[in-house]
Amino acid sequence: MRRAAPNPYKNLLYKDYPKKNADRVNAMAREKVMSDVAKKQIAEKVYERLEPKINEKTANMNSIATKTACKLVKTAIEKAVNEGVDRVMLDITDKRKKT
């Protein structure tokens, strides 16, 4: 932005934008990391890795029990990922505030 032209864009000058500091940039990065899309992607990757083991364990069950078990495991993974990511991000935030 230092080399950008000082001409207004939509009636705003560069000086009209709020200053960015390290805390604000870190907060925006945490929001991006903690987004539901990121959590869902992590949960899907974990489920993909566990799916063969789940299929192996539920091979001798009937189809309804197999589908129920798969849904239960998928829900448990999503819940664990949500709680884990939130806990890690809050831990990082708390540690930075203490220092």
PDB file of N, CA and C in Angstrom:
ATOM      1  N   MET A   1       0.812  -1.188   0.000  1.00  0.00           N
ATOM      2  CA  MET A   1       0.000   0.000   0.000  1.00  0.00           C
ATOM      3  C   MET A   1       0.862   1.263   0.000  1.00  0.00           C
ATOM      4  N   ARG A   2       2.110   1.119   0.372  1.00  0.00           N
ATOM      5  CA  ARG A   2       2.979   2.295   0.393  1.00  0.00           C
ATOM      6  C   ARG A   2       3.167   2.858  -1.007  1.00  0.00           C
ATOM      7  N   ARG A   3       3.215   1.981  -1.988  1.00  0.00           N
ATOM      8  CA  ARG A   3       3.471   2.423  -3.357  1.00  0.00           C
ATOM      9  C   ARG A   3       2.183   2.704  -4.125  1.00  0.00           C
ATOM     10  N   ALA A   4       1.047   2.450  -3.511  1.00  0.00           N
ATOM     11  CA  ALA A   4      -0.224   2.656  -4.201  1.00  0.00           C
ATOM     12  C   ALA A   4      -0.502   4.148  -4.353  1.00  0.00           C
ATOM     13  N   ALA A   5      -1.280   4.437  -5.343  1.00  0.00           N
ATOM     14  CA  ALA A   5      -1.627   5.834  -5.590  1.00  0.00           C
ATOM     15  C   ALA A   5      -2.518   6.355  -4.466  1.00  0.00           C
ATOM     16  N   PRO A   6      -2.341   7.587  -4.054  1.00  0.00           N
ATOM     17  CA  PRO A   6      -3.144   8.136  -2.961  1.00  0.00           C
ATOM     18  C   PRO A   6      -4.544   8.561  -3.391  1.00  0.00           C
ATOM     19  N   ASN A   7      -4.920   8.241  -4.614  1.00  0.00           N
ATOM     20  CA  ASN A   7      -6.245   8.625  -5.097  1.00  0.00           C
ATOM     21  C   ASN A   7      -7.331   7.870  -4.338  1.00  0.00           C
ATOM     22  N   PRO A   8      -8.478   8.508  -4.097  1.00  0.00           N
ATOM     23  CA  PRO A   8      -9.541   7.832  -3.360  1.00  0.00           C
ATOM     24  C   PRO A   8     -10.179   6.717  -4.194  1.00  0.00           C
ATOM     25  N   TYR A   9     -10.597   5.676  -3.512  1.00  0.00           N
ATOM     26  CA  TYR A   9     -11.332   4.584  -4.148  1.00  0.00           C
ATOM     27  C   TYR A   9     -12.684   4.531  -3.471  1.00  0.00           C
ATOM     28  N   LYS A  10     -13.725   4.769  -4.223  1.00  0.00           N
ATOM     29  CA  LYS A  10     -15.084   4.830  -3.679  1.00  0.00           C
ATOM     30  C   LYS A  10     -15.143   5.812  -2.507  1.00  0.00           C
ATOM     31  N   ASN A  11     -14.522   6.942  -2.713  1.00  0.00           N
ATOM     32  CA  ASN A  11     -14.504   8.040  -1.734  1.00  0.00           C
ATOM     33  C   ASN A  11     -13.779   7.697  -0.436  1.00  0.00           C
ATOM     34  N   LEU A  12     -12.934   6.693  -0.438  1.00  0.00           N
ATOM     35  CA  LEU A  12     -12.138   6.355   0.743  1.00  0.00           C
ATOM     36  C   LEU A  12     -10.665   6.520   0.414  1.00  0.00           C
ATOM     37  N   LEU A  13      -9.958   7.148   1.293  1.00  0.00           N
ATOM     38  CA  LEU A  13      -8.511   7.237   1.171  1.00  0.00           C
ATOM     39  C   LEU A  13      -7.893   6.147   2.027  1.00  0.00           C
ATOM     40  N   TYR A  14      -6.637   5.829   1.773  1.00  0.00           N
ATOM     41  CA  TYR A  14      -5.966   4.786   2.553  1.00  0.00           C
ATOM     42  C   TYR A  14      -5.925   5.135   4.036  1.00  0.00           C
ATOM     43  N   LYS A  15      -5.851   6.419   4.345  1.00  0.00           N
ATOM     44  CA  LYS A  15      -5.814   6.811   5.752  1.00  0.00           C
ATOM     45  C   LYS A  15      -7.146   6.555   6.454  1.00  0.00           C
ATOM     46  N   ASP A  16      -8.223   6.348   5.688  1.00  0.00           N
ATOM     47  CA  ASP A  16      -9.537   6.078   6.279  1.00  0.00           C
ATOM     48  C   ASP A  16      -9.678   4.643   6.785  1.00  0.00           C
ATOM     49  N   TYR A  17      -8.822   3.753   6.324  1.00  0.00           N
ATOM     50  CA  TYR A  17      -8.911   2.358   6.760  1.00  0.00           C
ATOM     51  C   TYR A  17      -8.300   2.212   8.150  1.00  0.00           C
ATOM     52  N   PRO A  18      -8.839   1.309   8.955  1.00  0.00           N
ATOM     53  CA  PRO A  18      -8.282   1.143  10.309  1.00  0.00           C
ATOM     54  C   PRO A  18      -6.879   0.549  10.257  1.00  0.00           C
ATOM     55  N   LYS A  19      -6.105   0.894  11.261  1.00  0.00           N
ATOM     56  CA  LYS A  19      -4.754   0.345  11.365  1.00  0.00           C
ATOM     57  C   LYS A  19      -4.839  -1.124  11.745  1.00  0.00           C
ATOM     58  N   LYS A  20      -3.942  -1.908  11.208  1.00  0.00           N
ATOM     59  CA  LYS A  20      -3.881  -3.326  11.549  1.00  0.00           C
ATOM     60  C   LYS A  20      -2.719  -3.519  12.512  1.00  0.00           C
ATOM     61  N   ASN A  21      -3.003  -4.194  13.608  1.00  0.00           N
ATOM     62  CA  ASN A  21      -1.924  -4.529  14.523  1.00  0.00           C
ATOM     63  C   ASN A  21      -1.827  -6.052  14.613  1.00  0.00           C
ATOM     64  N   ALA A  22      -0.841  -6.526  15.311  1.00  0.00           N
ATOM     65  CA  ALA A  22      -0.593  -7.972  15.373  1.00  0.00           C
ATOM     66  C   ALA A  22      -1.760  -8.715  16.005  1.00  0.00           C
ATOM     67  N   ASP A  23      -2.369  -8.150  17.035  1.00  0.00           N
ATOM     68  CA  ASP A  23      -3.492  -8.823  17.692  1.00  0.00           C
ATOM     69  C   ASP A  23      -4.669  -8.996  16.741  1.00  0.00           C
ATOM     70  N   ARG A  24      -4.957  -7.977  15.962  1.00  0.00           N
ATOM     71  CA  ARG A  24      -6.087  -8.050  15.024  1.00  0.00           C
ATOM     72  C   ARG A  24      -5.797  -9.066  13.921  1.00  0.00           C
ATOM     73  N   VAL A  25      -4.589  -9.074  13.408  1.00  0.00           N
ATOM     74  CA  VAL A  25      -4.219 -10.029  12.360  1.00  0.00           C
ATOM     75  C   VAL A  25      -4.293 -11.455  12.899  1.00  0.00           C
ATOM     76  N   ASN A  26      -3.808 -11.678  14.132  1.00  0.00           N
ATOM     77  CA  ASN A  26      -3.893 -13.006  14.744  1.00  0.00           C
ATOM     78  C   ASN A  26      -5.340 -13.422  14.945  1.00  0.00           C
ATOM     79  N   ALA A  27      -6.184 -12.504  15.371  1.00  0.00           N
ATOM     80  CA  ALA A  27      -7.596 -12.818  15.580  1.00  0.00           C
ATOM     81  C   ALA A  27      -8.262 -13.208  14.264  1.00  0.00           C
ATOM     82  N   MET A  28      -7.945 -12.482  13.187  1.00  0.00           N
ATOM     83  CA  MET A  28      -8.521 -12.820  11.887  1.00  0.00           C
ATOM     84  C   MET A  28      -8.038 -14.186  11.419  1.00  0.00           C
ATOM     85  N   ALA A  29      -6.783 -14.504  11.660  1.00  0.00           N
ATOM     86  CA  ALA A  29      -6.247 -15.811  11.270  1.00  0.00           C
ATOM     87  C   ALA A  29      -6.922 -16.926  12.064  1.00  0.00           C
ATOM     88  N   ARG A  30      -7.143 -16.715  13.356  1.00  0.00           N
ATOM     89  CA  ARG A  30      -7.826 -17.723  14.175  1.00  0.00           C
ATOM     90  C   ARG A  30      -9.251 -17.941  13.700  1.00  0.00           C
ATOM     91  N   GLU A  31      -9.929 -16.857  13.333  1.00  0.00           N
ATOM     92  CA  GLU A  31     -11.290 -16.987  12.819  1.00  0.00           C
ATOM     93  C   GLU A  31     -11.296 -17.831  11.550  1.00  0.00           C
ATOM     94  N   LYS A  32     -10.308 -17.632  10.700  1.00  0.00           N
ATOM     95  CA  LYS A  32     -10.223 -18.392   9.454  1.00  0.00           C
ATOM     96  C   LYS A  32      -9.958 -19.862   9.743  1.00  0.00           C
ATOM     97  N   VAL A  33      -9.049 -20.134  10.667  1.00  0.00           N
ATOM     98  CA  VAL A  33      -8.705 -21.512  11.008  1.00  0.00           C
ATOM     99  C   VAL A  33      -9.866 -22.200  11.699  1.00  0.00           C
ATOM    100  N   MET A  34     -10.588 -21.471  12.530  1.00  0.00           N
ATOM    101  CA  MET A  34     -11.664 -22.064  13.310  1.00  0.00           C
ATOM    102  C   MET A  34     -12.978 -22.133  12.543  1.00  0.00           C
ATOM    103  N   SER A  35     -12.965 -21.800  11.280  1.00  0.00           N
ATOM    104  CA  SER A  35     -14.206 -21.804  10.521  1.00  0.00           C
ATOM    105  C   SER A  35     -14.778 -23.212  10.427  1.00  0.00           C
ATOM    106  N   ASP A  36     -16.068 -23.269  10.216  1.00  0.00           N
ATOM    107  CA  ASP A  36     -16.751 -24.556  10.125  1.00  0.00           C
ATOM    108  C   ASP A  36     -16.257 -25.372   8.936  1.00  0.00           C
ATOM    109  N   VAL A  37     -15.889 -24.696   7.862  1.00  0.00           N
ATOM    110  CA  VAL A  37     -15.401 -25.411   6.679  1.00  0.00           C
ATOM    111  C   VAL A  37     -14.103 -26.151   7.001  1.00  0.00           C
ATOM    112  N   ALA A  38     -13.198 -25.481   7.706  1.00  0.00           N
ATOM    113  CA  ALA A  38     -11.927 -26.117   8.073  1.00  0.00           C
ATOM    114  C   ALA A  38     -12.160 -27.295   9.007  1.00  0.00           C
ATOM    115  N   LYS A  39     -13.045 -27.115   9.972  1.00  0.00           N
ATOM    116  CA  LYS A  39     -13.351 -28.204  10.901  1.00  0.00           C
ATOM    117  C   LYS A  39     -13.960 -29.390  10.168  1.00  0.00           C
ATOM    118  N   LYS A  40     -14.850 -29.101   9.222  1.00  0.00           N
ATOM    119  CA  LYS A  40     -15.494 -30.176   8.462  1.00  0.00           C
ATOM    120  C   LYS A  40     -14.468 -30.938   7.621  1.00  0.00           C
ATOM    121  N   GLN A  41     -13.527 -30.220   7.021  1.00  0.00           N
ATOM    122  CA  GLN A  41     -12.489 -30.874   6.225  1.00  0.00           C
ATOM    123  C   GLN A  41     -11.620 -31.781   7.087  1.00  0.00           C
ATOM    124  N   ILE A  42     -11.278 -31.332   8.275  1.00  0.00           N
ATOM    125  CA  ILE A  42     -10.479 -32.161   9.182  1.00  0.00           C
ATOM    126  C   ILE A  42     -11.255 -33.411   9.560  1.00  0.00           C
ATOM    127  N   ALA A  43     -12.537 -33.245   9.902  1.00  0.00           N
ATOM    128  CA  ALA A  43     -13.369 -34.386  10.293  1.00  0.00           C
ATOM    129  C   ALA A  43     -13.507 -35.386   9.146  1.00  0.00           C
ATOM    130  N   GLU A  44     -13.670 -34.900   7.925  1.00  0.00           N
ATOM    131  CA  GLU A  44     -13.793 -35.794   6.769  1.00  0.00           C
ATOM    132  C   GLU A  44     -12.511 -36.584   6.538  1.00  0.00           C
ATOM    133  N   LYS A  45     -11.362 -35.934   6.693  1.00  0.00           N
ATOM    134  CA  LYS A  45     -10.089 -36.638   6.508  1.00  0.00           C
ATOM    135  C   LYS A  45      -9.892 -37.707   7.572  1.00  0.00           C
ATOM    136  N   VAL A  46     -10.270 -37.402   8.810  1.00  0.00           N
ATOM    137  CA  VAL A  46     -10.158 -38.392   9.886  1.00  0.00           C
ATOM    138  C   VAL A  46     -11.080 -39.570   9.596  1.00  0.00           C
ATOM    139  N   TYR A  47     -12.309 -39.280   9.169  1.00  0.00           N
ATOM    140  CA  TYR A  47     -13.265 -40.355   8.879  1.00  0.00           C
ATOM    141  C   TYR A  47     -12.774 -41.225   7.724  1.00  0.00           C
ATOM    142  N   GLU A  48     -12.202 -40.604   6.702  1.00  0.00           N
ATOM    143  CA  GLU A  48     -11.673 -41.374   5.568  1.00  0.00           C
ATOM    144  C   GLU A  48     -10.597 -42.356   6.019  1.00  0.00           C
ATOM    145  N   ARG A  49      -9.770 -41.930   6.961  1.00  0.00           N
ATOM    146  CA  ARG A  49      -8.707 -42.818   7.455  1.00  0.00           C
ATOM    147  C   ARG A  49      -9.265 -43.933   8.325  1.00  0.00           C
ATOM    148  N   LEU A  50     -10.366 -43.665   9.028  1.00  0.00           N
ATOM    149  CA  LEU A  50     -10.957 -44.668   9.912  1.00  0.00           C
ATOM    150  C   LEU A  50     -11.981 -45.566   9.221  1.00  0.00           C
ATOM    151  N   GLU A  51     -12.460 -45.155   8.068  1.00  0.00           N
ATOM    152  CA  GLU A  51     -13.527 -45.888   7.382  1.00  0.00           C
ATOM    153  C   GLU A  51     -13.199 -47.363   7.129  1.00  0.00           C
ATOM    154  N   PRO A  52     -12.008 -47.725   6.662  1.00  0.00           N
ATOM    155  CA  PRO A  52     -11.720 -49.155   6.463  1.00  0.00           C
ATOM    156  C   PRO A  52     -11.816 -49.961   7.761  1.00  0.00           C
ATOM    157  N   LYS A  53     -11.348 -49.392   8.843  1.00  0.00           N
ATOM    158  CA  LYS A  53     -11.409 -50.076  10.140  1.00  0.00           C
ATOM    159  C   LYS A  53     -12.862 -50.221  10.605  1.00  0.00           C
ATOM    160  N   ILE A  54     -13.664 -49.194  10.387  1.00  0.00           N
ATOM    161  CA  ILE A  54     -15.083 -49.249  10.758  1.00  0.00           C
ATOM    162  C   ILE A  54     -15.791 -50.321   9.939  1.00  0.00           C
ATOM    163  N   ASN A  55     -15.519 -50.355   8.639  1.00  0.00           N
ATOM    164  CA  ASN A  55     -16.141 -51.369   7.774  1.00  0.00           C
ATOM    165  C   ASN A  55     -15.732 -52.775   8.197  1.00  0.00           C
ATOM    166  N   GLU A  56     -14.492 -52.925   8.603  1.00  0.00           N
ATOM    167  CA  GLU A  56     -14.008 -54.227   9.056  1.00  0.00           C
ATOM    168  C   GLU A  56     -14.739 -54.668  10.328  1.00  0.00           C
ATOM    169  N   LYS A  57     -14.918 -53.741  11.259  1.00  0.00           N
ATOM    170  CA  LYS A  57     -15.577 -54.067  12.530  1.00  0.00           C
ATOM    171  C   LYS A  57     -17.073 -54.311  12.370  1.00  0.00           C
ATOM    172  N   THR A  58     -17.703 -53.669  11.387  1.00  0.00           N
ATOM    173  CA  THR A  58     -19.153 -53.797  11.209  1.00  0.00           C
ATOM    174  C   THR A  58     -19.531 -54.740  10.078  1.00  0.00           C
ATOM    175  N   ALA A  59     -18.586 -55.503   9.579  1.00  0.00           N
ATOM    176  CA  ALA A  59     -18.853 -56.381   8.430  1.00  0.00           C
ATOM    177  C   ALA A  59     -19.896 -57.450   8.740  1.00  0.00           C
ATOM    178  N   ASN A  60     -19.928 -57.955   9.966  1.00  0.00           N
ATOM    179  CA  ASN A  60     -20.860 -59.034  10.287  1.00  0.00           C
ATOM    180  C   ASN A  60     -22.191 -58.517  10.833  1.00  0.00           C
ATOM    181  N   MET A  61     -22.418 -57.211  10.839  1.00  0.00           N
ATOM    182  CA  MET A  61     -23.687 -56.639  11.297  1.00  0.00           C
ATOM    183  C   MET A  61     -24.650 -56.499  10.124  1.00  0.00           C
ATOM    184  N   ASN A  62     -25.950 -56.347  10.450  1.00  0.00           N
ATOM    185  CA  ASN A  62     -26.906 -56.109   9.366  1.00  0.00           C
ATOM    186  C   ASN A  62     -26.749 -54.677   8.850  1.00  0.00           C
ATOM    187  N   SER A  63     -27.384 -54.369   7.735  1.00  0.00           N
ATOM    188  CA  SER A  63     -27.152 -53.084   7.059  1.00  0.00           C
ATOM    189  C   SER A  63     -27.602 -51.891   7.898  1.00  0.00           C
ATOM    190  N   ILE A  64     -28.690 -52.030   8.621  1.00  0.00           N
ATOM    191  CA  ILE A  64     -29.175 -50.915   9.442  1.00  0.00           C
ATOM    192  C   ILE A  64     -28.184 -50.621  10.565  1.00  0.00           C
ATOM    193  N   ALA A  65     -27.694 -51.666  11.212  1.00  0.00           N
ATOM    194  CA  ALA A  65     -26.723 -51.480  12.294  1.00  0.00           C
ATOM    195  C   ALA A  65     -25.421 -50.888  11.754  1.00  0.00           C
ATOM    196  N   THR A  66     -25.009 -51.310  10.577  1.00  0.00           N
ATOM    197  CA  THR A  66     -23.789 -50.782   9.964  1.00  0.00           C
ATOM    198  C   THR A  66     -23.930 -49.290   9.675  1.00  0.00           C
ATOM    199  N   LYS A  67     -25.059 -48.899   9.069  1.00  0.00           N
ATOM    200  CA  LYS A  67     -25.290 -47.483   8.759  1.00  0.00           C
ATOM    201  C   LYS A  67     -25.364 -46.650  10.034  1.00  0.00           C
ATOM    202  N   THR A  68     -26.018 -47.205  11.052  1.00  0.00           N
ATOM    203  CA  THR A  68     -26.129 -46.495  12.325  1.00  0.00           C
ATOM    204  C   THR A  68     -24.755 -46.308  12.965  1.00  0.00           C
ATOM    205  N   ALA A  69     -23.949 -47.362  12.943  1.00  0.00           N
ATOM    206  CA  ALA A  69     -22.605 -47.281  13.524  1.00  0.00           C
ATOM    207  C   ALA A  69     -21.747 -46.260  12.776  1.00  0.00           C
ATOM    208  N   CYS A  70     -21.833 -46.266  11.456  1.00  0.00           N
ATOM    209  CA  CYS A  70     -21.056 -45.307  10.657  1.00  0.00           C
ATOM    210  C   CYS A  70     -21.481 -43.873  10.963  1.00  0.00           C
ATOM    211  N   LYS A  71     -22.788 -43.649  11.057  1.00  0.00           N
ATOM    212  CA  LYS A  71     -23.296 -42.309  11.363  1.00  0.00           C
ATOM    213  C   LYS A  71     -22.865 -41.875  12.765  1.00  0.00           C
ATOM    214  N   LEU A  72     -22.911 -42.805  13.709  1.00  0.00           N
ATOM    215  CA  LEU A  72     -22.502 -42.508  15.077  1.00  0.00           C
ATOM    216  C   LEU A  72     -21.021 -42.131  15.140  1.00  0.00           C
ATOM    217  N   VAL A  73     -20.196 -42.893  14.445  1.00  0.00           N
ATOM    218  CA  VAL A  73     -18.753 -42.608  14.434  1.00  0.00           C
ATOM    219  C   VAL A  73     -18.484 -41.262  13.763  1.00  0.00           C
ATOM    220  N   LYS A  74     -19.175 -41.001  12.661  1.00  0.00           N
ATOM    221  CA  LYS A  74     -18.982 -39.734  11.946  1.00  0.00           C
ATOM    222  C   LYS A  74     -19.364 -38.544  12.837  1.00  0.00           C
ATOM    223  N   THR A  75     -20.479 -38.671  13.540  1.00  0.00           N
ATOM    224  CA  THR A  75     -20.917 -37.607  14.444  1.00  0.00           C
ATOM    225  C   THR A  75     -19.925 -37.419  15.588  1.00  0.00           C
ATOM    226  N   ALA A  76     -19.425 -38.523  16.129  1.00  0.00           N
ATOM    227  CA  ALA A  76     -18.451 -38.447  17.223  1.00  0.00           C
ATOM    228  C   ALA A  76     -17.158 -37.777  16.758  1.00  0.00           C
ATOM    229  N   ILE A  77     -16.729 -38.082  15.550  1.00  0.00           N
ATOM    230  CA  ILE A  77     -15.513 -37.465  15.000  1.00  0.00           C
ATOM    231  C   ILE A  77     -15.716 -35.962  14.835  1.00  0.00           C
ATOM    232  N   GLU A  78     -16.863 -35.564  14.267  1.00  0.00           N
ATOM    233  CA  GLU A  78     -17.141 -34.142  14.076  1.00  0.00           C
ATOM    234  C   GLU A  78     -17.152 -33.398  15.411  1.00  0.00           C
ATOM    235  N   LYS A  79     -17.784 -34.001  16.413  1.00  0.00           N
ATOM    236  CA  LYS A  79     -17.844 -33.369  17.733  1.00  0.00           C
ATOM    237  C   LYS A  79     -16.445 -33.250  18.340  1.00  0.00           C
ATOM    238  N   ALA A  80     -15.650 -34.309  18.229  1.00  0.00           N
ATOM    239  CA  ALA A  80     -14.293 -34.290  18.787  1.00  0.00           C
ATOM    240  C   ALA A  80     -13.421 -33.252  18.082  1.00  0.00           C
ATOM    241  N   VAL A  81     -13.548 -33.154  16.764  1.00  0.00           N
ATOM    242  CA  VAL A  81     -12.759 -32.171  16.011  1.00  0.00           C
ATOM    243  C   VAL A  81     -13.167 -30.754  16.412  1.00  0.00           C
ATOM    244  N   ASN A  82     -14.467 -30.500  16.496  1.00  0.00           N
ATOM    245  CA  ASN A  82     -14.943 -29.165  16.892  1.00  0.00           C
ATOM    246  C   ASN A  82     -14.407 -28.779  18.261  1.00  0.00           C
ATOM    247  N   GLU A  83     -14.543 -29.677  19.224  1.00  0.00           N
ATOM    248  CA  GLU A  83     -14.074 -29.382  20.578  1.00  0.00           C
ATOM    249  C   GLU A  83     -12.553 -29.250  20.628  1.00  0.00           C
ATOM    250  N   GLY A  84     -11.854 -30.118  19.913  1.00  0.00           N
ATOM    251  CA  GLY A  84     -10.394 -30.082  19.918  1.00  0.00           C
ATOM    252  C   GLY A  84      -9.840 -28.817  19.305  1.00  0.00           C
ATOM    253  N   VAL A  85     -10.366 -28.428  18.157  1.00  0.00           N
ATOM    254  CA  VAL A  85      -9.882 -27.213  17.491  1.00  0.00           C
ATOM    255  C   VAL A  85     -10.189 -25.994  18.352  1.00  0.00           C
ATOM    256  N   ASP A  86     -11.395 -25.938  18.902  1.00  0.00           N
ATOM    257  CA  ASP A  86     -11.749 -24.801  19.755  1.00  0.00           C
ATOM    258  C   ASP A  86     -10.838 -24.733  20.977  1.00  0.00           C
ATOM    259  N   ARG A  87     -10.572 -25.876  21.597  1.00  0.00           N
ATOM    260  CA  ARG A  87      -9.727 -25.909  22.791  1.00  0.00           C
ATOM    261  C   ARG A  87      -8.307 -25.463  22.457  1.00  0.00           C
ATOM    262  N   VAL A  88      -7.772 -25.953  21.358  1.00  0.00           N
ATOM    263  CA  VAL A  88      -6.409 -25.581  20.961  1.00  0.00           C
ATOM    264  C   VAL A  88      -6.332 -24.090  20.656  1.00  0.00           C
ATOM    265  N   MET A  89      -7.297 -23.576  19.924  1.00  0.00           N
ATOM    266  CA  MET A  89      -7.275 -22.162  19.572  1.00  0.00           C
ATOM    267  C   MET A  89      -7.442 -21.282  20.803  1.00  0.00           C
ATOM    268  N   LEU A  90      -8.299 -21.673  21.730  1.00  0.00           N
ATOM    269  CA  LEU A  90      -8.474 -20.883  22.949  1.00  0.00           C
ATOM    270  C   LEU A  90      -7.235 -20.963  23.826  1.00  0.00           C
ATOM    271  N   ASP A  91      -6.574 -22.114  23.849  1.00  0.00           N
ATOM    272  CA  ASP A  91      -5.322 -22.262  24.595  1.00  0.00           C
ATOM    273  C   ASP A  91      -4.262 -21.312  24.062  1.00  0.00           C
ATOM    274  N   ILE A  92      -4.148 -21.250  22.746  1.00  0.00           N
ATOM    275  CA  ILE A  92      -3.167 -20.366  22.116  1.00  0.00           C
ATOM    276  C   ILE A  92      -3.484 -18.917  22.466  1.00  0.00           C
ATOM    277  N   THR A  93      -4.763 -18.562  22.399  1.00  0.00           N
ATOM    278  CA  THR A  93      -5.178 -17.200  22.719  1.00  0.00           C
ATOM    279  C   THR A  93      -4.855 -16.864  24.167  1.00  0.00           C
ATOM    280  N   ASP A  94      -5.166 -17.780  25.088  1.00  0.00           N
ATOM    281  CA  ASP A  94      -4.903 -17.539  26.507  1.00  0.00           C
ATOM    282  C   ASP A  94      -3.415 -17.391  26.782  1.00  0.00           C
ATOM    283  N   LYS A  95      -2.587 -18.217  26.156  1.00  0.00           N
ATOM    284  CA  LYS A  95      -1.141 -18.149  26.373  1.00  0.00           C
ATOM    285  C   LYS A  95      -0.579 -16.825  25.884  1.00  0.00           C
ATOM    286  N   ARG A  96      -1.083 -16.340  24.757  1.00  0.00           N
ATOM    287  CA  ARG A  96      -0.587 -15.068  24.224  1.00  0.00           C
ATOM    288  C   ARG A  96      -1.002 -13.905  25.112  1.00  0.00           C
ATOM    289  N   LYS A  97      -2.188 -13.993  25.702  1.00  0.00           N
ATOM    290  CA  LYS A  97      -2.644 -12.906  26.569  1.00  0.00           C
ATOM    291  C   LYS A  97      -1.830 -12.851  27.853  1.00  0.00           C
ATOM    292  N   LYS A  98      -1.376 -14.013  28.347  1.00  0.00           N
ATOM    293  CA  LYS A  98      -0.611 -14.058  29.591  1.00  0.00           C
ATOM    294  C   LYS A  98       0.790 -13.502  29.423  1.00  0.00           C
ATOM    295  N   THR A  99       1.353 -13.634  28.214  1.00  0.00           N
ATOM    296  CA  THR A  99       2.728 -13.164  28.009  1.00  0.00           C
ATOM    297  C   THR A  99       2.784 -11.728  27.590  1.00  0.00           C
TER     298      THR A  99
END
